[in-house]
Structure formats: C-alpha cells, structure tokens
N, C-alpha and C. Protein backbone atom coordinates (compact mmCIF):
# COMPACT_ATOMS: atom_id res chain seq x y z
N MET A 1 -12.72 -79.84 27.07
CA MET A 1 -11.66 -78.84 26.99
C MET A 1 -12.07 -77.60 27.78
N GLU A 2 -11.09 -77.00 28.39
CA GLU A 2 -11.33 -75.78 29.17
C GLU A 2 -11.79 -74.65 28.25
N ARG A 3 -12.58 -73.76 28.81
CA ARG A 3 -12.95 -72.57 28.05
C ARG A 3 -11.71 -71.70 27.87
N TYR A 4 -11.66 -70.97 26.79
CA TYR A 4 -10.48 -70.17 26.48
C TYR A 4 -10.12 -69.19 27.58
N GLU A 5 -11.12 -68.65 28.28
CA GLU A 5 -10.84 -67.67 29.33
C GLU A 5 -10.04 -68.28 30.48
N ASN A 6 -10.14 -69.60 30.64
CA ASN A 6 -9.47 -70.28 31.75
C ASN A 6 -8.05 -70.72 31.41
N LEU A 7 -7.64 -70.58 30.18
CA LEU A 7 -6.31 -71.04 29.78
C LEU A 7 -5.26 -70.03 30.19
N LYS A 8 -4.28 -70.48 30.95
CA LYS A 8 -3.26 -69.59 31.51
C LYS A 8 -1.85 -69.90 31.03
N PHE A 9 -1.67 -71.06 30.37
CA PHE A 9 -0.33 -71.46 29.94
C PHE A 9 -0.38 -72.07 28.54
N ALA A 10 0.64 -71.78 27.75
CA ALA A 10 0.77 -72.35 26.41
C ALA A 10 2.11 -73.07 26.32
N VAL A 11 2.10 -74.23 25.69
CA VAL A 11 3.33 -75.00 25.50
C VAL A 11 3.59 -75.11 24.00
N TYR A 12 4.78 -74.70 23.59
CA TYR A 12 5.19 -74.82 22.18
C TYR A 12 6.23 -75.91 22.09
N PHE A 13 6.05 -76.83 21.14
CA PHE A 13 7.08 -77.85 20.94
C PHE A 13 7.37 -78.00 19.46
N ASN A 14 8.64 -78.33 19.17
CA ASN A 14 9.12 -78.37 17.81
C ASN A 14 10.11 -79.52 17.69
N LYS A 15 9.82 -80.49 16.84
CA LYS A 15 10.69 -81.65 16.65
C LYS A 15 11.87 -81.32 15.74
N ASN A 16 11.65 -80.50 14.70
CA ASN A 16 12.72 -80.18 13.75
C ASN A 16 13.78 -79.28 14.35
N ASN A 17 13.37 -78.37 15.21
CA ASN A 17 14.28 -77.51 15.96
C ASN A 17 14.02 -77.89 17.42
N PRO A 18 14.63 -78.98 17.90
CA PRO A 18 14.18 -79.67 19.11
C PRO A 18 14.16 -78.81 20.38
N HIS A 19 12.94 -78.45 20.78
CA HIS A 19 12.75 -77.74 22.04
C HIS A 19 11.28 -77.70 22.43
N ILE A 20 11.06 -77.45 23.72
CA ILE A 20 9.72 -77.27 24.28
C ILE A 20 9.80 -76.04 25.17
N THR A 21 8.86 -75.11 24.98
CA THR A 21 8.85 -73.88 25.77
C THR A 21 7.47 -73.65 26.34
N ILE A 22 7.41 -73.28 27.62
CA ILE A 22 6.14 -72.95 28.27
C ILE A 22 6.01 -71.44 28.38
N HIS A 23 4.84 -70.92 28.03
CA HIS A 23 4.55 -69.49 28.07
C HIS A 23 3.37 -69.24 29.01
N LYS A 24 3.30 -68.02 29.54
CA LYS A 24 2.13 -67.59 30.30
C LYS A 24 1.14 -66.92 29.35
N ILE A 25 -0.14 -67.02 29.69
CA ILE A 25 -1.20 -66.32 28.96
C ILE A 25 -1.94 -65.46 29.98
N PRO A 26 -2.20 -64.20 29.77
CA PRO A 26 -1.76 -63.43 28.61
C PRO A 26 -0.26 -63.18 28.70
N SER A 27 0.34 -63.10 27.55
CA SER A 27 1.78 -62.91 27.47
C SER A 27 2.10 -61.44 27.24
N THR A 28 3.31 -61.05 27.62
CA THR A 28 3.75 -59.69 27.37
C THR A 28 4.26 -59.54 25.94
N HIS A 29 4.35 -60.64 25.22
CA HIS A 29 4.81 -60.60 23.83
C HIS A 29 3.91 -61.50 22.99
N LYS A 30 4.00 -61.38 21.69
CA LYS A 30 3.21 -62.19 20.78
C LYS A 30 3.67 -63.65 20.89
N LEU A 31 2.72 -64.57 21.06
CA LEU A 31 3.08 -65.99 21.20
C LEU A 31 3.33 -66.61 19.84
N ASP A 32 4.44 -66.24 19.26
CA ASP A 32 4.94 -66.81 18.03
C ASP A 32 6.38 -67.21 18.29
N PRO A 33 6.90 -68.15 17.51
CA PRO A 33 8.32 -68.45 17.65
C PRO A 33 9.12 -67.16 17.47
N HIS A 34 9.95 -66.82 18.43
CA HIS A 34 10.64 -65.54 18.36
C HIS A 34 12.15 -65.64 18.49
N ARG A 35 12.65 -66.85 18.45
CA ARG A 35 14.09 -67.01 18.52
C ARG A 35 14.48 -68.30 17.79
N GLY A 36 15.65 -68.37 17.22
CA GLY A 36 16.10 -69.59 16.58
C GLY A 36 15.55 -69.76 15.18
N ILE A 37 15.65 -70.98 14.69
CA ILE A 37 15.23 -71.29 13.33
C ILE A 37 13.85 -71.94 13.39
N HIS A 38 12.86 -71.28 12.81
CA HIS A 38 11.50 -71.80 12.75
C HIS A 38 10.96 -71.62 11.35
N LYS A 39 10.23 -72.61 10.91
CA LYS A 39 9.54 -72.52 9.63
C LYS A 39 8.06 -72.52 9.92
N TYR A 40 7.28 -71.97 9.01
CA TYR A 40 5.84 -71.91 9.17
C TYR A 40 5.26 -73.31 9.38
N ASN A 41 4.40 -73.46 10.37
CA ASN A 41 3.73 -74.71 10.70
C ASN A 41 4.69 -75.85 11.07
N GLN A 42 5.84 -75.52 11.57
CA GLN A 42 6.81 -76.54 11.94
C GLN A 42 6.55 -77.09 13.33
N GLY A 43 6.11 -76.25 14.25
CA GLY A 43 5.88 -76.67 15.62
C GLY A 43 4.41 -76.78 15.94
N SER A 44 4.12 -77.14 17.19
CA SER A 44 2.74 -77.29 17.64
C SER A 44 2.56 -76.64 19.00
N TRP A 45 1.30 -76.31 19.31
CA TRP A 45 0.95 -75.66 20.57
C TRP A 45 -0.02 -76.50 21.37
N GLY A 46 0.07 -76.40 22.70
CA GLY A 46 -0.91 -76.95 23.61
C GLY A 46 -1.27 -75.86 24.60
N TYR A 47 -2.53 -75.80 25.02
CA TYR A 47 -3.00 -74.74 25.92
C TYR A 47 -3.62 -75.36 27.17
N PHE A 48 -3.31 -74.77 28.34
CA PHE A 48 -3.70 -75.39 29.60
C PHE A 48 -4.15 -74.36 30.63
N ALA A 49 -5.02 -74.81 31.54
CA ALA A 49 -5.55 -73.94 32.59
C ALA A 49 -4.57 -73.81 33.74
N THR A 50 -3.77 -74.84 34.01
CA THR A 50 -2.85 -74.79 35.14
C THR A 50 -1.42 -75.08 34.69
N LYS A 51 -0.48 -74.59 35.47
CA LYS A 51 0.92 -74.85 35.16
C LYS A 51 1.22 -76.33 35.30
N ARG A 52 0.57 -76.98 36.26
CA ARG A 52 0.79 -78.42 36.46
C ARG A 52 0.42 -79.20 35.19
N GLU A 53 -0.74 -78.87 34.60
CA GLU A 53 -1.14 -79.53 33.36
C GLU A 53 -0.13 -79.29 32.25
N ALA A 54 0.35 -78.06 32.15
CA ALA A 54 1.33 -77.71 31.12
C ALA A 54 2.63 -78.48 31.33
N LEU A 55 3.07 -78.59 32.58
CA LEU A 55 4.30 -79.32 32.87
C LEU A 55 4.15 -80.82 32.58
N GLU A 56 3.01 -81.39 32.94
CA GLU A 56 2.76 -82.81 32.66
C GLU A 56 2.75 -83.07 31.16
N PHE A 57 2.09 -82.20 30.41
CA PHE A 57 2.05 -82.32 28.96
C PHE A 57 3.47 -82.20 28.38
N SER A 58 4.26 -81.27 28.89
CA SER A 58 5.63 -81.08 28.41
C SER A 58 6.46 -82.33 28.62
N LYS A 59 6.32 -82.95 29.79
CA LYS A 59 7.07 -84.18 30.07
C LYS A 59 6.64 -85.30 29.12
N TYR A 60 5.33 -85.41 28.88
CA TYR A 60 4.80 -86.42 27.98
C TYR A 60 5.34 -86.22 26.56
N VAL A 61 5.31 -84.99 26.07
CA VAL A 61 5.80 -84.69 24.72
C VAL A 61 7.30 -84.92 24.64
N SER A 62 8.02 -84.53 25.67
CA SER A 62 9.47 -84.69 25.69
C SER A 62 9.87 -86.16 25.54
N LYS A 63 9.21 -87.03 26.27
CA LYS A 63 9.53 -88.46 26.20
C LYS A 63 9.05 -89.07 24.89
N GLY A 64 7.82 -88.75 24.50
CA GLY A 64 7.23 -89.37 23.33
C GLY A 64 7.86 -88.96 22.02
N ARG A 65 8.42 -87.77 21.96
CA ARG A 65 8.99 -87.27 20.70
C ARG A 65 10.49 -87.07 20.79
N GLU A 66 11.08 -87.57 21.85
CA GLU A 66 12.53 -87.48 22.06
C GLU A 66 13.03 -86.04 21.95
N LEU A 67 12.35 -85.16 22.66
CA LEU A 67 12.74 -83.75 22.71
C LEU A 67 13.42 -83.47 24.05
N PRO A 68 14.24 -82.42 24.11
CA PRO A 68 14.85 -82.06 25.39
C PRO A 68 13.78 -81.59 26.38
N GLU A 69 14.15 -81.51 27.64
CA GLU A 69 13.20 -81.06 28.66
C GLU A 69 12.75 -79.64 28.38
N MET A 70 11.55 -79.33 28.89
CA MET A 70 10.92 -78.03 28.70
C MET A 70 11.72 -76.92 29.37
N LYS A 71 11.64 -75.74 28.76
CA LYS A 71 12.22 -74.53 29.35
C LYS A 71 11.11 -73.50 29.49
N HIS A 72 11.27 -72.60 30.46
CA HIS A 72 10.34 -71.48 30.62
C HIS A 72 10.73 -70.37 29.66
N CYS A 73 9.74 -69.73 29.06
CA CYS A 73 10.00 -68.58 28.20
C CYS A 73 10.63 -67.48 29.05
N THR A 74 11.75 -66.95 28.60
CA THR A 74 12.43 -65.91 29.37
C THR A 74 11.68 -64.59 29.35
N LYS A 75 10.80 -64.41 28.37
CA LYS A 75 10.01 -63.18 28.32
C LYS A 75 8.79 -63.27 29.23
N CYS A 76 8.21 -64.46 29.36
CA CYS A 76 7.01 -64.64 30.19
C CYS A 76 7.33 -64.83 31.67
N PHE A 77 8.42 -65.53 31.94
CA PHE A 77 8.80 -65.87 33.31
C PHE A 77 10.09 -65.14 33.66
N LYS A 78 10.01 -64.27 34.61
CA LYS A 78 11.21 -63.58 35.08
C LYS A 78 11.96 -64.54 36.00
N GLU A 79 13.27 -64.39 36.08
CA GLU A 79 14.13 -65.29 36.86
C GLU A 79 13.62 -65.50 38.28
N SER A 80 13.14 -64.45 38.92
CA SER A 80 12.67 -64.55 40.30
C SER A 80 11.23 -65.04 40.41
N ASN A 81 10.57 -65.25 39.26
CA ASN A 81 9.15 -65.57 39.28
C ASN A 81 8.83 -66.86 38.52
N LEU A 82 9.73 -67.84 38.52
CA LEU A 82 9.53 -69.08 37.77
C LEU A 82 8.41 -69.94 38.33
N GLN A 83 8.05 -69.78 39.58
CA GLN A 83 7.04 -70.63 40.18
C GLN A 83 5.62 -70.20 39.82
N SER A 84 5.43 -69.05 39.26
CA SER A 84 4.08 -68.54 38.95
C SER A 84 3.37 -69.39 37.93
C-alpha cells in the first residue's frame, strides 16, 4: 500500500444510497458524506496515489456492486479542472 503522504485521491461508494464519488486529497472540505441521505458506516472509502488508480477502482466497484458510474466531487473538482 502507498504511504499516506502519496495518496492524492479518495473514492467514496455507497450501495444503500447508490453512488460513487471521487475526491481530491487534500480537500478543500471535510471528506465526509455532505449531501443526500447517509447513515453512519453506510458507505466505504478507497484511497489512491493516482487519478488513474481511483478511476479504475471506481469502474470495478461500479460493475461489481451494480452502482452508477462515478462522479467527481463538485467541491474538489471545479468544472474547468476535471482533468487534474
């Protein structure tokens, strides 16, 4: 596993409230569920050094758990900066 200092992306996925969201680390906001209906310990997190790893993990989780495709966090990724 990568050292924590090298982790740049976090992926949150939730089967009960079906969605997958990718966040940047460090984030401009607290990396907690901040929209919609969430219950304590309902979702799970994955942490990655590269965006490519995060995207591959998101696709794997999406297919394996029948979740919709991943979305970028609107607070972490500005509309003009989705490629970062």
